[in-house]
């Protein structure tokens, strides 16, 4: 397994864009959006307002 704690699992856009990053230690997914000089980062939430967590079985493949 790679020693990087965070891994990008999704990318949309080129100059401006949206990324989803997963913390390999906790499984928590983060949404990162940027445009121009601005950047926003937040925990990715499901429809019930709870954090999206990648199951432990899937983390070993990231």
N, C-alpha and C. Protein backbone atom coordinates (compact mmCIF):
# COMPACT_ATOMS: atom_id res chain seq x y z
N UNK A 1 0.84 -1.19 0.00
CA UNK A 1 0.00 0.00 0.00
C UNK A 1 0.89 1.24 0.00
N UNK A 2 0.45 2.23 -0.71
CA UNK A 2 1.14 3.51 -0.79
C UNK A 2 1.10 4.18 0.59
N UNK A 3 2.10 5.01 0.91
CA UNK A 3 2.14 5.64 2.22
C UNK A 3 1.41 6.98 2.28
N UNK A 4 0.74 7.39 1.19
CA UNK A 4 0.00 8.64 1.19
C UNK A 4 -1.29 8.49 1.99
N UNK A 5 -1.56 9.46 2.86
CA UNK A 5 -2.77 9.39 3.68
C UNK A 5 -4.01 9.70 2.85
N UNK A 6 -3.94 10.69 1.97
CA UNK A 6 -5.09 11.08 1.17
C UNK A 6 -4.90 10.66 -0.27
N UNK A 7 -5.98 10.18 -0.89
CA UNK A 7 -5.92 9.77 -2.28
C UNK A 7 -7.12 10.39 -3.01
N UNK A 8 -6.86 10.91 -4.21
CA UNK A 8 -7.94 11.50 -5.02
C UNK A 8 -8.68 10.38 -5.73
N UNK A 9 -10.00 10.35 -5.57
CA UNK A 9 -10.79 9.30 -6.19
C UNK A 9 -11.69 9.82 -7.31
N UNK A 10 -11.79 11.15 -7.44
CA UNK A 10 -12.65 11.72 -8.47
C UNK A 10 -12.11 13.08 -8.88
N UNK A 11 -12.19 13.39 -10.17
CA UNK A 11 -11.78 14.69 -10.69
C UNK A 11 -12.75 15.12 -11.77
N UNK A 12 -13.19 16.38 -11.68
CA UNK A 12 -14.07 16.95 -12.69
C UNK A 12 -13.57 18.34 -13.02
N UNK A 13 -13.40 18.63 -14.29
CA UNK A 13 -12.95 19.96 -14.69
C UNK A 13 -11.44 20.00 -14.92
N UNK A 14 -10.98 21.16 -15.41
CA UNK A 14 -9.56 21.33 -15.71
C UNK A 14 -9.00 22.54 -14.96
N UNK A 15 -9.29 23.73 -15.41
CA UNK A 15 -8.79 24.93 -14.72
C UNK A 15 -9.58 25.18 -13.43
N UNK A 16 -10.88 25.08 -13.50
CA UNK A 16 -11.74 25.12 -12.32
C UNK A 16 -12.25 23.70 -12.15
N UNK A 17 -12.44 23.26 -10.94
CA UNK A 17 -12.84 21.87 -10.83
C UNK A 17 -13.30 21.44 -9.46
N UNK A 18 -13.62 20.16 -9.42
CA UNK A 18 -14.09 19.50 -8.21
C UNK A 18 -13.31 18.20 -8.06
N UNK A 19 -12.83 17.97 -6.87
CA UNK A 19 -12.14 16.72 -6.54
C UNK A 19 -12.81 16.07 -5.35
N UNK A 20 -12.72 14.76 -5.27
CA UNK A 20 -13.09 14.04 -4.06
C UNK A 20 -11.82 13.34 -3.58
N UNK A 21 -11.49 13.59 -2.30
CA UNK A 21 -10.32 13.00 -1.67
C UNK A 21 -10.79 12.07 -0.56
N UNK A 22 -10.11 10.96 -0.38
CA UNK A 22 -10.45 10.01 0.69
C UNK A 22 -9.27 9.91 1.64
N UNK A 23 -9.57 10.02 2.93
CA UNK A 23 -8.57 9.81 3.98
C UNK A 23 -8.45 8.30 4.16
N UNK A 24 -7.29 7.75 3.85
CA UNK A 24 -7.11 6.30 3.89
C UNK A 24 -7.10 5.75 5.31
N UNK A 25 -6.90 6.58 6.31
CA UNK A 25 -6.90 6.11 7.69
C UNK A 25 -8.31 6.04 8.27
N UNK A 26 -9.17 6.98 7.88
CA UNK A 26 -10.52 7.03 8.45
C UNK A 26 -11.61 6.63 7.47
N UNK A 27 -11.33 6.72 6.16
CA UNK A 27 -12.32 6.43 5.14
C UNK A 27 -13.22 7.61 4.82
N UNK A 28 -13.07 8.73 5.52
CA UNK A 28 -13.91 9.91 5.30
C UNK A 28 -13.59 10.52 3.94
N UNK A 29 -14.65 10.91 3.21
CA UNK A 29 -14.53 11.54 1.89
C UNK A 29 -14.67 13.05 2.03
N UNK A 30 -13.82 13.78 1.30
CA UNK A 30 -13.84 15.24 1.32
C UNK A 30 -14.07 15.77 -0.09
N UNK A 31 -14.87 16.83 -0.19
CA UNK A 31 -15.13 17.49 -1.46
C UNK A 31 -14.29 18.76 -1.50
N UNK A 32 -13.51 18.90 -2.55
CA UNK A 32 -12.66 20.08 -2.75
C UNK A 32 -13.08 20.71 -4.07
N UNK A 33 -13.49 21.98 -4.01
CA UNK A 33 -13.90 22.70 -5.21
C UNK A 33 -13.06 23.96 -5.32
N UNK A 34 -12.62 24.26 -6.54
CA UNK A 34 -11.83 25.47 -6.72
C UNK A 34 -12.18 26.16 -8.03
N UNK A 35 -12.06 27.50 -7.99
CA UNK A 35 -12.29 28.33 -9.16
C UNK A 35 -11.45 29.58 -9.01
N UNK A 36 -10.64 29.87 -10.02
CA UNK A 36 -9.76 31.03 -9.95
C UNK A 36 -8.83 30.92 -8.77
N UNK A 37 -8.87 31.91 -7.87
CA UNK A 37 -8.02 31.90 -6.69
C UNK A 37 -8.74 31.37 -5.46
N UNK A 38 -9.99 30.93 -5.62
CA UNK A 38 -10.76 30.44 -4.49
C UNK A 38 -10.75 28.93 -4.38
N UNK A 39 -10.87 28.45 -3.15
CA UNK A 39 -10.87 27.01 -2.90
C UNK A 39 -11.78 26.74 -1.71
N UNK A 40 -12.54 25.67 -1.80
CA UNK A 40 -13.38 25.25 -0.69
C UNK A 40 -13.17 23.77 -0.41
N UNK A 41 -13.17 23.41 0.86
CA UNK A 41 -12.97 22.02 1.26
C UNK A 41 -13.96 21.71 2.36
N UNK A 42 -14.67 20.59 2.22
CA UNK A 42 -15.64 20.19 3.22
C UNK A 42 -15.80 18.68 3.21
N UNK A 43 -16.33 18.16 4.29
CA UNK A 43 -16.66 16.74 4.35
C UNK A 43 -17.81 16.49 3.38
N UNK A 44 -17.71 15.43 2.60
CA UNK A 44 -18.78 15.07 1.67
C UNK A 44 -19.89 14.39 2.46
N UNK A 45 -21.12 14.87 2.31
CA UNK A 45 -22.25 14.35 3.08
C UNK A 45 -23.20 13.54 2.20
N UNK A 46 -23.85 12.54 2.80
CA UNK A 46 -24.85 11.76 2.08
C UNK A 46 -26.20 12.46 2.19
N UNK A 47 -27.25 11.84 1.69
CA UNK A 47 -28.58 12.46 1.66
C UNK A 47 -29.15 12.70 3.05
N UNK A 48 -28.64 12.00 4.07
CA UNK A 48 -29.11 12.18 5.44
C UNK A 48 -28.25 13.15 6.24
N UNK A 49 -27.25 13.74 5.59
CA UNK A 49 -26.38 14.70 6.25
C UNK A 49 -25.24 14.07 7.03
N UNK A 50 -25.00 12.79 6.81
CA UNK A 50 -23.90 12.09 7.49
C UNK A 50 -22.70 12.01 6.55
N UNK A 51 -21.48 11.99 7.11
CA UNK A 51 -20.29 11.91 6.26
C UNK A 51 -20.27 10.64 5.41
N UNK A 52 -19.81 10.78 4.18
CA UNK A 52 -19.62 9.63 3.31
C UNK A 52 -18.31 8.97 3.73
N UNK A 53 -18.39 7.68 4.06
CA UNK A 53 -17.22 6.94 4.51
C UNK A 53 -17.01 5.73 3.61
N UNK A 54 -15.84 5.65 3.01
CA UNK A 54 -15.49 4.51 2.17
C UNK A 54 -15.28 3.30 3.08
N UNK A 55 -15.94 2.17 2.78
CA UNK A 55 -15.77 0.97 3.62
C UNK A 55 -14.31 0.53 3.70
N UNK A 56 -13.94 -0.01 4.85
CA UNK A 56 -12.55 -0.43 5.10
C UNK A 56 -12.05 -1.42 4.06
N UNK A 57 -12.93 -2.31 3.58
CA UNK A 57 -12.53 -3.30 2.57
C UNK A 57 -12.07 -2.62 1.28
N UNK A 58 -12.68 -1.48 0.93
CA UNK A 58 -12.33 -0.76 -0.30
C UNK A 58 -11.09 0.10 -0.14
N UNK A 59 -10.77 0.51 1.09
CA UNK A 59 -9.62 1.40 1.30
C UNK A 59 -8.31 0.76 0.88
N UNK A 60 -8.19 -0.56 0.99
CA UNK A 60 -6.94 -1.21 0.64
C UNK A 60 -6.66 -1.17 -0.87
N UNK A 61 -7.70 -0.87 -1.69
CA UNK A 61 -7.52 -0.79 -3.13
C UNK A 61 -7.25 0.63 -3.61
N UNK A 62 -7.29 1.60 -2.70
CA UNK A 62 -7.06 3.00 -3.10
C UNK A 62 -5.60 3.34 -3.09
